[in-house]
Amino acid sequence: MRPFTLNYAVGRASTTTVETPYRFDAVRQLNVLPDGRPAVTDRALLLAAGTTTSTAGSQTHFDD
């Protein structure tokens, strides 16, 4: 049986491709910039993005 809300929820196709200027480092368990620094240390990135939330694990890392 489907949940009630799924009978009415319609997903939108995303036409926008977004590239993040950081990646998740599984060993360090945090998002890092191309030069290896933690993404949370880049103030300009945080001001522009508002967060550096990763999609890995529980999303409770200190840089979320």
Protein backbone atom coordinates (compact mmCIF):
# COMPACT_ATOMS: atom_id res chain seq x y z
CA MET A 1 0.00 0.00 0.00
CA ARG A 2 1.34 3.45 -0.94
CA PRO A 3 1.42 6.25 1.61
CA PHE A 4 -1.38 8.77 1.00
CA THR A 5 0.94 11.65 0.12
CA LEU A 6 2.64 9.67 -2.64
CA ASN A 7 -0.65 9.53 -4.51
CA TYR A 8 -0.39 13.29 -5.00
CA ALA A 9 3.35 13.99 -4.94
CA VAL A 10 4.81 14.69 -8.35
CA GLY A 11 8.53 15.08 -8.77
CA ARG A 12 9.97 17.73 -11.03
CA ALA A 13 12.66 16.87 -13.49
CA SER A 14 15.77 18.83 -12.66
CA THR A 15 17.27 20.68 -15.60
CA THR A 16 19.92 22.42 -13.56
CA THR A 17 23.28 20.80 -13.00
CA VAL A 18 25.06 22.06 -9.92
CA GLU A 19 28.72 21.49 -9.26
CA THR A 20 29.96 21.96 -5.73
CA PRO A 21 33.44 23.37 -5.20
CA TYR A 22 34.12 20.72 -2.55
CA ARG A 23 33.99 16.94 -2.22
CA PHE A 24 33.38 14.50 0.61
CA ASP A 25 36.53 12.93 2.03
CA ALA A 26 35.49 9.55 3.43
CA VAL A 27 38.71 9.11 5.40
CA ARG A 28 38.43 12.45 7.20
CA GLN A 29 34.61 12.31 7.25
CA LEU A 30 34.19 15.91 6.10
CA ASN A 31 33.85 18.03 2.99
CA VAL A 32 37.13 19.32 1.60
CA LEU A 33 38.15 21.89 -0.99
CA PRO A 34 40.30 20.92 -3.99
CA ASP A 35 43.44 21.97 -2.06
CA GLY A 36 42.56 19.63 0.84
CA ARG A 37 41.38 22.24 3.35
CA PRO A 38 38.06 21.59 5.13
CA ALA A 39 35.27 23.29 3.18
CA VAL A 40 33.99 24.90 6.35
CA THR A 41 37.12 27.09 6.47
CA ASP A 42 36.19 28.89 3.24
CA ARG A 43 34.09 31.85 4.38
CA ALA A 44 33.19 32.91 0.84
CA LEU A 45 31.86 29.42 0.10
CA LEU A 46 29.78 29.38 3.28
CA LEU A 47 28.37 32.83 2.52
CA ALA A 48 27.44 31.75 -1.01
CA ALA A 49 26.12 28.28 -0.23
CA GLY A 50 24.94 28.67 3.35
CA THR A 51 26.15 25.17 4.19
CA THR A 52 28.45 22.39 3.07
CA THR A 53 26.09 19.54 3.87
CA SER A 54 27.24 16.23 2.54
CA THR A 55 25.02 13.37 1.47
CA ALA A 56 27.22 10.82 3.15
CA GLY A 57 26.33 9.01 6.33
CA SER A 58 24.19 10.61 8.97
CA GLN A 59 24.86 14.20 7.89
CA THR A 60 25.87 15.11 11.43
CA HIS A 61 29.43 16.12 10.59
CA PHE A 62 30.74 19.34 12.15
CA ASP A 63 30.91 21.01 8.71
CA ASP A 64 27.19 20.61 7.94
